[in-house]
Amino acid sequence: MTRTDGRPGPGAHKPDCSAFLDQIYEFVDGELTERDLTRIRQHLDECPPCLREYDLEAALKALVRRSCQDRAPEELRVRILARITEVRITTEG
């Protein structure tokens, strides 16, 4: 969507936005290479629609992180680790 003055309107994305949006979760989680992080930071500096999308995803991740502070009971943790060990032995042996 383009405004009459030629500037992108709300919801408009540049062609390279799709590449950014494909990596937004990895960016929020800090799972990208330094080169990709730099490229995406530069894109965010130049693209307000993508910056809004990033802000939304970052806020959502922070909310989930704050809401999920409960720890599983120790007994459950031990059972899960035992099951993981069983699966590893079965698939490796």
PDB file of N, CA and C in Angstrom:
ATOM      1  N   MET A   1       0.839  -1.162   0.000  1.00  0.00           N
ATOM      2  CA  MET A   1       0.000   0.000   0.000  1.00  0.00           C
ATOM      3  C   MET A   1       0.895   1.240   0.000  1.00  0.00           C
ATOM      4  N   THR A   2       0.696   2.163  -0.922  1.00  0.00           N
ATOM      5  CA  THR A   2       1.520   3.367  -1.027  1.00  0.00           C
ATOM      6  C   THR A   2       0.638   4.595  -0.856  1.00  0.00           C
ATOM      7  N   ARG A   3       1.148   5.584  -0.137  1.00  0.00           N
ATOM      8  CA  ARG A   3       0.421   6.837   0.048  1.00  0.00           C
ATOM      9  C   ARG A   3       0.554   7.676  -1.211  1.00  0.00           C
ATOM     10  N   THR A   4      -0.220   8.749  -1.286  1.00  0.00           N
ATOM     11  CA  THR A   4      -0.159   9.621  -2.461  1.00  0.00           C
ATOM     12  C   THR A   4       1.178  10.326  -2.572  1.00  0.00           C
ATOM     13  N   ASP A   5       1.907  10.464  -1.455  1.00  0.00           N
ATOM     14  CA  ASP A   5       3.218  11.115  -1.512  1.00  0.00           C
ATOM     15  C   ASP A   5       4.332  10.137  -1.865  1.00  0.00           C
ATOM     16  N   GLY A   6       3.974   8.869  -2.140  1.00  0.00           N
ATOM     17  CA  GLY A   6       4.973   7.884  -2.556  1.00  0.00           C
ATOM     18  C   GLY A   6       5.576   7.088  -1.417  1.00  0.00           C
ATOM     19  N   ARG A   7       5.314   7.488  -0.165  1.00  0.00           N
ATOM     20  CA  ARG A   7       5.853   6.744   0.970  1.00  0.00           C
ATOM     21  C   ARG A   7       4.999   5.511   1.232  1.00  0.00           C
ATOM     22  N   PRO A   8       5.606   4.450   1.772  1.00  0.00           N
ATOM     23  CA  PRO A   8       4.811   3.254   2.084  1.00  0.00           C
ATOM     24  C   PRO A   8       3.750   3.579   3.122  1.00  0.00           C
ATOM     25  N   GLY A   9       2.566   3.039   2.942  1.00  0.00           N
ATOM     26  CA  GLY A   9       1.484   3.239   3.888  1.00  0.00           C
ATOM     27  C   GLY A   9       1.514   2.171   4.964  1.00  0.00           C
ATOM     28  N   PRO A  10       0.572   2.239   5.909  1.00  0.00           N
ATOM     29  CA  PRO A  10       0.501   1.234   6.968  1.00  0.00           C
ATOM     30  C   PRO A  10       0.351  -0.165   6.377  1.00  0.00           C
ATOM     31  N   GLY A  11       1.068  -1.114   6.933  1.00  0.00           N
ATOM     32  CA  GLY A  11       0.980  -2.486   6.459  1.00  0.00           C
ATOM     33  C   GLY A  11       1.814  -2.772   5.224  1.00  0.00           C
ATOM     34  N   ALA A  12       2.437  -1.735   4.631  1.00  0.00           N
ATOM     35  CA  ALA A  12       3.264  -1.954   3.438  1.00  0.00           C
ATOM     36  C   ALA A  12       4.632  -2.472   3.859  1.00  0.00           C
ATOM     37  N   HIS A  13       5.162  -3.376   3.105  1.00  0.00           N
ATOM     38  CA  HIS A  13       6.495  -3.910   3.382  1.00  0.00           C
ATOM     39  C   HIS A  13       7.333  -3.822   2.120  1.00  0.00           C
ATOM     40  N   LYS A  14       8.617  -3.614   2.319  1.00  0.00           N
ATOM     41  CA  LYS A  14       9.548  -3.625   1.199  1.00  0.00           C
ATOM     42  C   LYS A  14       9.775  -5.071   0.770  1.00  0.00           C
ATOM     43  N   PRO A  15      10.304  -5.279  -0.425  1.00  0.00           N
ATOM     44  CA  PRO A  15      10.511  -6.653  -0.902  1.00  0.00           C
ATOM     45  C   PRO A  15      11.358  -7.515   0.028  1.00  0.00           C
ATOM     46  N   ASP A  16      12.353  -6.945   0.700  1.00  0.00           N
ATOM     47  CA  ASP A  16      13.199  -7.759   1.567  1.00  0.00           C
ATOM     48  C   ASP A  16      12.580  -7.995   2.940  1.00  0.00           C
ATOM     49  N   CYS A  17      11.373  -7.491   3.177  1.00  0.00           N
ATOM     50  CA  CYS A  17      10.698  -7.708   4.453  1.00  0.00           C
ATOM     51  C   CYS A  17      10.370  -9.175   4.667  1.00  0.00           C
ATOM     52  N   SER A  18      10.005  -9.875   3.628  1.00  0.00           N
ATOM     53  CA  SER A  18       9.632 -11.273   3.810  1.00  0.00           C
ATOM     54  C   SER A  18      10.811 -12.081   4.342  1.00  0.00           C
ATOM     55  N   ALA A  19      12.008 -11.790   3.893  1.00  0.00           N
ATOM     56  CA  ALA A  19      13.201 -12.485   4.401  1.00  0.00           C
ATOM     57  C   ALA A  19      13.393 -12.190   5.882  1.00  0.00           C
ATOM     58  N   PHE A  20      13.167 -10.937   6.267  1.00  0.00           N
ATOM     59  CA  PHE A  20      13.273 -10.579   7.684  1.00  0.00           C
ATOM     60  C   PHE A  20      12.202 -11.303   8.490  1.00  0.00           C
ATOM     61  N   LEU A  21      10.963 -11.223   8.032  1.00  0.00           N
ATOM     62  CA  LEU A  21       9.858 -11.804   8.786  1.00  0.00           C
ATOM     63  C   LEU A  21      10.010 -13.313   8.921  1.00  0.00           C
ATOM     64  N   ASP A  22      10.669 -13.960   7.959  1.00  0.00           N
ATOM     65  CA  ASP A  22      10.938 -15.392   8.056  1.00  0.00           C
ATOM     66  C   ASP A  22      11.904 -15.712   9.193  1.00  0.00           C
ATOM     67  N   GLN A  23      12.721 -14.733   9.598  1.00  0.00           N
ATOM     68  CA  GLN A  23      13.727 -14.965  10.629  1.00  0.00           C
ATOM     69  C   GLN A  23      13.427 -14.230  11.933  1.00  0.00           C
ATOM     70  N   ILE A  24      12.227 -13.679  12.077  1.00  0.00           N
ATOM     71  CA  ILE A  24      11.935 -12.850  13.238  1.00  0.00           C
ATOM     72  C   ILE A  24      12.070 -13.620  14.551  1.00  0.00           C
ATOM     73  N   TYR A  25      11.623 -14.883  14.591  1.00  0.00           N
ATOM     74  CA  TYR A  25      11.708 -15.643  15.834  1.00  0.00           C
ATOM     75  C   TYR A  25      13.156 -15.938  16.202  1.00  0.00           C
ATOM     76  N   GLU A  26      13.960 -16.288  15.214  1.00  0.00           N
ATOM     77  CA  GLU A  26      15.372 -16.535  15.489  1.00  0.00           C
ATOM     78  C   GLU A  26      16.062 -15.257  15.945  1.00  0.00           C
ATOM     79  N   PHE A  27      15.655 -14.120  15.382  1.00  0.00           N
ATOM     80  CA  PHE A  27      16.233 -12.843  15.784  1.00  0.00           C
ATOM     81  C   PHE A  27      15.858 -12.525  17.226  1.00  0.00           C
ATOM     82  N   VAL A  28      14.582 -12.671  17.562  1.00  0.00           N
ATOM     83  CA  VAL A  28      14.122 -12.401  18.928  1.00  0.00           C
ATOM     84  C   VAL A  28      14.845 -13.309  19.921  1.00  0.00           C
ATOM     85  N   ASP A  29      15.103 -14.549  19.527  1.00  0.00           N
ATOM     86  CA  ASP A  29      15.768 -15.507  20.406  1.00  0.00           C
ATOM     87  C   ASP A  29      17.289 -15.389  20.384  1.00  0.00           C
ATOM     88  N   GLY A  30      17.836 -14.535  19.526  1.00  0.00           N
ATOM     89  CA  GLY A  30      19.286 -14.372  19.444  1.00  0.00           C
ATOM     90  C   GLY A  30      19.981 -15.587  18.855  1.00  0.00           C
ATOM     91  N   GLU A  31      19.336 -16.267  17.928  1.00  0.00           N
ATOM     92  CA  GLU A  31      19.869 -17.509  17.363  1.00  0.00           C
ATOM     93  C   GLU A  31      20.482 -17.341  15.981  1.00  0.00           C
ATOM     94  N   LEU A  32      20.799 -16.132  15.584  1.00  0.00           N
ATOM     95  CA  LEU A  32      21.352 -15.883  14.252  1.00  0.00           C
ATOM     96  C   LEU A  32      22.843 -15.591  14.341  1.00  0.00           C
ATOM     97  N   THR A  33      23.503 -15.681  13.205  1.00  0.00           N
ATOM     98  CA  THR A  33      24.916 -15.316  13.155  1.00  0.00           C
ATOM     99  C   THR A  33      25.051 -13.802  13.325  1.00  0.00           C
ATOM    100  N   GLU A  34      26.219 -13.369  13.685  1.00  0.00           N
ATOM    101  CA  GLU A  34      26.446 -11.929  13.861  1.00  0.00           C
ATOM    102  C   GLU A  34      26.157 -11.166  12.574  1.00  0.00           C
ATOM    103  N   ARG A  35      26.505 -11.753  11.443  1.00  0.00           N
ATOM    104  CA  ARG A  35      26.239 -11.119  10.143  1.00  0.00           C
ATOM    105  C   ARG A  35      24.744 -10.914   9.928  1.00  0.00           C
ATOM    106  N   ASP A  36      23.942 -11.962  10.214  1.00  0.00           N
ATOM    107  CA  ASP A  36      22.496 -11.854  10.056  1.00  0.00           C
ATOM    108  C   ASP A  36      21.889 -10.883  11.065  1.00  0.00           C
ATOM    109  N   LEU A  37      22.404 -10.897  12.294  1.00  0.00           N
ATOM    110  CA  LEU A  37      21.918  -9.948  13.299  1.00  0.00           C
ATOM    111  C   LEU A  37      22.137  -8.510  12.842  1.00  0.00           C
ATOM    112  N   THR A  38      23.307  -8.235  12.298  1.00  0.00           N
ATOM    113  CA  THR A  38      23.621  -6.885  11.813  1.00  0.00           C
ATOM    114  C   THR A  38      22.706  -6.500  10.662  1.00  0.00           C
ATOM    115  N   ARG A  39      22.498  -7.427   9.744  1.00  0.00           N
ATOM    116  CA  ARG A  39      21.633  -7.167   8.586  1.00  0.00           C
ATOM    117  C   ARG A  39      20.196  -6.874   9.038  1.00  0.00           C
ATOM    118  N   ILE A  40      19.705  -7.636   9.985  1.00  0.00           N
ATOM    119  CA  ILE A  40      18.331  -7.441  10.443  1.00  0.00           C
ATOM    120  C   ILE A  40      18.213  -6.158  11.270  1.00  0.00           C
ATOM    121  N   ARG A  41      19.201  -5.861  12.089  1.00  0.00           N
ATOM    122  CA  ARG A  41      19.165  -4.590  12.836  1.00  0.00           C
ATOM    123  C   ARG A  41      19.105  -3.405  11.875  1.00  0.00           C
ATOM    124  N   GLN A  42      19.870  -3.469  10.807  1.00  0.00           N
ATOM    125  CA  GLN A  42      19.853  -2.406   9.810  1.00  0.00           C
ATOM    126  C   GLN A  42      18.471  -2.311   9.162  1.00  0.00           C
ATOM    127  N   HIS A  43      17.887  -3.448   8.846  1.00  0.00           N
ATOM    128  CA  HIS A  43      16.552  -3.451   8.250  1.00  0.00           C
ATOM    129  C   HIS A  43      15.539  -2.822   9.218  1.00  0.00           C
ATOM    130  N   LEU A  44      15.619  -3.173  10.501  1.00  0.00           N
ATOM    131  CA  LEU A  44      14.700  -2.605  11.489  1.00  0.00           C
ATOM    132  C   LEU A  44      14.841  -1.090  11.582  1.00  0.00           C
ATOM    133  N   ASP A  45      16.065  -0.603  11.471  1.00  0.00           N
ATOM    134  CA  ASP A  45      16.302   0.842  11.515  1.00  0.00           C
ATOM    135  C   ASP A  45      15.634   1.561  10.345  1.00  0.00           C
ATOM    136  N   GLU A  46      15.465   0.860   9.230  1.00  0.00           N
ATOM    137  CA  GLU A  46      14.953   1.476   8.006  1.00  0.00           C
ATOM    138  C   GLU A  46      13.491   1.135   7.702  1.00  0.00           C
ATOM    139  N   CYS A  47      12.867   0.250   8.488  1.00  0.00           N
ATOM    140  CA  CYS A  47      11.537  -0.248   8.128  1.00  0.00           C
ATOM    141  C   CYS A  47      10.594  -0.227   9.337  1.00  0.00           C
ATOM    142  N   PRO A  48       9.853   0.855   9.517  1.00  0.00           N
ATOM    143  CA  PRO A  48       8.922   0.937  10.651  1.00  0.00           C
ATOM    144  C   PRO A  48       7.896  -0.202  10.730  1.00  0.00           C
ATOM    145  N   PRO A  49       7.318  -0.702   9.622  1.00  0.00           N
ATOM    146  CA  PRO A  49       6.375  -1.826   9.759  1.00  0.00           C
ATOM    147  C   PRO A  49       7.028  -3.074  10.354  1.00  0.00           C
ATOM    148  N   CYS A  50       8.248  -3.378   9.943  1.00  0.00           N
ATOM    149  CA  CYS A  50       8.942  -4.544  10.496  1.00  0.00           C
ATOM    150  C   CYS A  50       9.352  -4.295  11.948  1.00  0.00           C
ATOM    151  N   LEU A  51       9.703  -3.068  12.273  1.00  0.00           N
ATOM    152  CA  LEU A  51      10.049  -2.735  13.655  1.00  0.00           C
ATOM    153  C   LEU A  51       8.838  -2.963  14.560  1.00  0.00           C
ATOM    154  N   ARG A  52       7.655  -2.573  14.091  1.00  0.00           N
ATOM    155  CA  ARG A  52       6.435  -2.820  14.870  1.00  0.00           C
ATOM    156  C   ARG A  52       6.208  -4.323  15.047  1.00  0.00           C
ATOM    157  N   GLU A  53       6.426  -5.085  13.992  1.00  0.00           N
ATOM    158  CA  GLU A  53       6.270  -6.543  14.069  1.00  0.00           C
ATOM    159  C   GLU A  53       7.261  -7.135  15.063  1.00  0.00           C
ATOM    160  N   TYR A  54       8.511  -6.672  14.999  1.00  0.00           N
ATOM    161  CA  TYR A  54       9.531  -7.140  15.943  1.00  0.00           C
ATOM    162  C   TYR A  54       9.138  -6.783  17.369  1.00  0.00           C
ATOM    163  N   ASP A  55       8.695  -5.539  17.594  1.00  0.00           N
ATOM    164  CA  ASP A  55       8.290  -5.114  18.937  1.00  0.00           C
ATOM    165  C   ASP A  55       7.174  -5.994  19.478  1.00  0.00           C
ATOM    166  N   LEU A  56       6.221  -6.340  18.615  1.00  0.00           N
ATOM    167  CA  LEU A  56       5.121  -7.206  19.018  1.00  0.00           C
ATOM    168  C   LEU A  56       5.635  -8.586  19.421  1.00  0.00           C
ATOM    169  N   GLU A  57       6.494  -9.163  18.611  1.00  0.00           N
ATOM    170  CA  GLU A  57       7.034 -10.497  18.909  1.00  0.00           C
ATOM    171  C   GLU A  57       7.890 -10.481  20.175  1.00  0.00           C
ATOM    172  N   ALA A  58       8.701  -9.441  20.347  1.00  0.00           N
ATOM    173  CA  ALA A  58       9.544  -9.338  21.538  1.00  0.00           C
ATOM    174  C   ALA A  58       8.681  -9.185  22.793  1.00  0.00           C
ATOM    175  N   ALA A  59       7.619  -8.374  22.712  1.00  0.00           N
ATOM    176  CA  ALA A  59       6.728  -8.192  23.857  1.00  0.00           C
ATOM    177  C   ALA A  59       6.011  -9.499  24.194  1.00  0.00           C
ATOM    178  N   LEU A  60       5.577 -10.226  23.169  1.00  0.00           N
ATOM    179  CA  LEU A  60       4.910 -11.502  23.392  1.00  0.00           C
ATOM    180  C   LEU A  60       5.852 -12.499  24.057  1.00  0.00           C
ATOM    181  N   LYS A  61       7.077 -12.562  23.591  1.00  0.00           N
ATOM    182  CA  LYS A  61       8.058 -13.478  24.173  1.00  0.00           C
ATOM    183  C   LYS A  61       8.323 -13.119  25.635  1.00  0.00           C
ATOM    184  N   ALA A  62       8.436 -11.824  25.934  1.00  0.00           N
ATOM    185  CA  ALA A  62       8.665 -11.384  27.314  1.00  0.00           C
ATOM    186  C   ALA A  62       7.480 -11.753  28.204  1.00  0.00           C
ATOM    187  N   LEU A  63       6.267 -11.603  27.687  1.00  0.00           N
ATOM    188  CA  LEU A  63       5.067 -11.959  28.439  1.00  0.00           C
ATOM    189  C   LEU A  63       5.042 -13.450  28.749  1.00  0.00           C
ATOM    190  N   VAL A  64       5.339 -14.265  27.757  1.00  0.00           N
ATOM    191  CA  VAL A  64       5.368 -15.716  27.971  1.00  0.00           C
ATOM    192  C   VAL A  64       6.441 -16.069  28.994  1.00  0.00           C
ATOM    193  N   ARG A  65       7.602 -15.457  28.883  1.00  0.00           N
ATOM    194  CA  ARG A  65       8.700 -15.729  29.810  1.00  0.00           C
ATOM    195  C   ARG A  65       8.286 -15.395  31.245  1.00  0.00           C
ATOM    196  N   ARG A  66       7.625 -14.246  31.445  1.00  0.00           N
ATOM    197  CA  ARG A  66       7.180 -13.848  32.782  1.00  0.00           C
ATOM    198  C   ARG A  66       6.090 -14.776  33.308  1.00  0.00           C
ATOM    199  N   SER A  67       5.246 -15.263  32.418  1.00  0.00           N
ATOM    200  CA  SER A  67       4.110 -16.089  32.826  1.00  0.00           C
ATOM    201  C   SER A  67       4.498 -17.539  33.095  1.00  0.00           C
ATOM    202  N   CYS A  68       5.623 -17.964  32.626  1.00  0.00           N
ATOM    203  CA  CYS A  68       6.028 -19.373  32.733  1.00  0.00           C
ATOM    204  C   CYS A  68       7.171 -19.543  33.721  1.00  0.00           C
ATOM    205  N   GLN A  69       7.004 -19.051  34.912  1.00  0.00           N
ATOM    206  CA  GLN A  69       8.058 -19.139  35.913  1.00  0.00           C
ATOM    207  C   GLN A  69       7.964 -20.403  36.771  1.00  0.00           C
ATOM    208  N   ASP A  70       6.863 -21.148  36.670  1.00  0.00           N
ATOM    209  CA  ASP A  70       6.695 -22.353  37.473  1.00  0.00           C
ATOM    210  C   ASP A  70       7.676 -23.427  37.025  1.00  0.00           C
ATOM    211  N   ARG A  71       8.161 -24.189  37.980  1.00  0.00           N
ATOM    212  CA  ARG A  71       9.055 -25.307  37.679  1.00  0.00           C
ATOM    213  C   ARG A  71       8.267 -26.603  37.777  1.00  0.00           C
ATOM    214  N   ALA A  72       8.631 -27.533  36.945  1.00  0.00           N
ATOM    215  CA  ALA A  72       8.018 -28.861  37.019  1.00  0.00           C
ATOM    216  C   ALA A  72       8.489 -29.551  38.291  1.00  0.00           C
ATOM    217  N   PRO A  73       7.651 -30.429  38.850  1.00  0.00           N
ATOM    218  CA  PRO A  73       8.085 -31.182  40.038  1.00  0.00           C
ATOM    219  C   PRO A  73       9.332 -32.006  39.731  1.00  0.00           C
ATOM    220  N   GLU A  74      10.181 -32.180  40.720  1.00  0.00           N
ATOM    221  CA  GLU A  74      11.439 -32.909  40.548  1.00  0.00           C
ATOM    222  C   GLU A  74      11.191 -34.333  40.044  1.00  0.00           C
ATOM    223  N   GLU A  75      10.139 -34.965  40.532  1.00  0.00           N
ATOM    224  CA  GLU A  75       9.817 -36.331  40.100  1.00  0.00           C
ATOM    225  C   GLU A  75       9.555 -36.384  38.592  1.00  0.00           C
ATOM    226  N   LEU A  76       8.848 -35.413  38.067  1.00  0.00           N
ATOM    227  CA  LEU A  76       8.581 -35.354  36.629  1.00  0.00           C
ATOM    228  C   LEU A  76       9.879 -35.169  35.860  1.00  0.00           C
ATOM    229  N   ARG A  77      10.736 -34.288  36.343  1.00  0.00           N
ATOM    230  CA  ARG A  77      12.027 -34.043  35.690  1.00  0.00           C
ATOM    231  C   ARG A  77      12.844 -35.337  35.606  1.00  0.00           C
ATOM    232  N   VAL A  78      12.892 -36.083  36.703  1.00  0.00           N
ATOM    233  CA  VAL A  78      13.647 -37.338  36.741  1.00  0.00           C
ATOM    234  C   VAL A  78      13.052 -38.343  35.747  1.00  0.00           C
ATOM    235  N   ARG A  79      11.718 -38.446  35.682  1.00  0.00           N
ATOM    236  CA  ARG A  79      11.080 -39.374  34.749  1.00  0.00           C
ATOM    237  C   ARG A  79      11.371 -38.995  33.300  1.00  0.00           C
ATOM    238  N   ILE A  80      11.342 -37.703  32.999  1.00  0.00           N
ATOM    239  CA  ILE A  80      11.624 -37.252  31.627  1.00  0.00           C
ATOM    240  C   ILE A  80      13.061 -37.561  31.248  1.00  0.00           C
ATOM    241  N   LEU A  81      14.000 -37.266  32.129  1.00  0.00           N
ATOM    242  CA  LEU A  81      15.412 -37.555  31.839  1.00  0.00           C
ATOM    243  C   LEU A  81      15.643 -39.051  31.663  1.00  0.00           C
ATOM    244  N   ALA A  82      14.962 -39.865  32.462  1.00  0.00           N
ATOM    245  CA  ALA A  82      15.101 -41.311  32.319  1.00  0.00           C
ATOM    246  C   ALA A  82      14.563 -41.763  30.964  1.00  0.00           C
ATOM    247  N   ARG A  83      13.446 -41.215  30.560  1.00  0.00           N
ATOM    248  CA  ARG A  83      12.860 -41.589  29.267  1.00  0.00           C
ATOM    249  C   ARG A  83      13.758 -41.154  28.108  1.00  0.00           C
ATOM    250  N   ILE A  84      14.348 -39.981  28.203  1.00  0.00           N
ATOM    251  CA  ILE A  84      15.279 -39.511  27.171  1.00  0.00           C
ATOM    252  C   ILE A  84      16.460 -40.468  27.065  1.00  0.00           C
ATOM    253  N   THR A  85      16.966 -40.892  28.197  1.00  0.00           N
ATOM    254  CA  THR A  85      18.086 -41.853  28.206  1.00  0.00           C
ATOM    255  C   THR A  85      17.672 -43.162  27.545  1.00  0.00           C
ATOM    256  N   GLU A  86      16.470 -43.649  27.846  1.00  0.00           N
ATOM    257  CA  GLU A  86      15.972 -44.881  27.229  1.00  0.00           C
ATOM    258  C   GLU A  86      15.886 -44.733  25.715  1.00  0.00           C
ATOM    259  N   VAL A  87      15.350 -43.639  25.247  1.00  0.00           N
ATOM    260  CA  VAL A  87      15.204 -43.420  23.811  1.00  0.00           C
ATOM    261  C   VAL A  87      16.576 -43.352  23.140  1.00  0.00           C
ATOM    262  N   ARG A  88      17.512 -42.689  23.772  1.00  0.00           N
ATOM    263  CA  ARG A  88      18.873 -42.610  23.198  1.00  0.00           C
ATOM    264  C   ARG A  88      19.511 -43.994  23.079  1.00  0.00           C
ATOM    265  N   ILE A  89      19.377 -44.777  24.123  1.00  0.00           N
ATOM    266  CA  ILE A  89      19.961 -46.131  24.119  1.00  0.00           C
ATOM    267  C   ILE A  89      19.305 -46.965  23.016  1.00  0.00           C
ATOM    268  N   THR A  90      18.003 -46.855  22.875  1.00  0.00           N
ATOM    269  CA  THR A  90      17.264 -47.622  21.877  1.00  0.00           C
ATOM    270  C   THR A  90      17.657 -47.208  20.456  1.00  0.00           C
ATOM    271  N   THR A  91      17.785 -45.895  20.209  1.00  0.00           N
ATOM    272  CA  THR A  91      18.090 -45.441  18.863  1.00  0.00           C
ATOM    273  C   THR A  91      19.559 -45.570  18.523  1.00  0.00           C
ATOM    274  N   GLU A  92      20.425 -45.535  19.501  1.00  0.00           N
ATOM    275  CA  GLU A  92      21.859 -45.634  19.230  1.00  0.00           C
ATOM    276  C   GLU A  92      22.334 -47.072  19.230  1.00  0.00           C
ATOM    277  N   GLY A  93      21.611 -47.941  19.912  1.00  0.00           N
ATOM    278  CA  GLY A  93      22.083 -49.319  20.066  1.00  0.00           C
ATOM    279  C   GLY A  93      21.517 -50.218  19.087  1.00  0.00           C
TER     280      GLY A  93
END
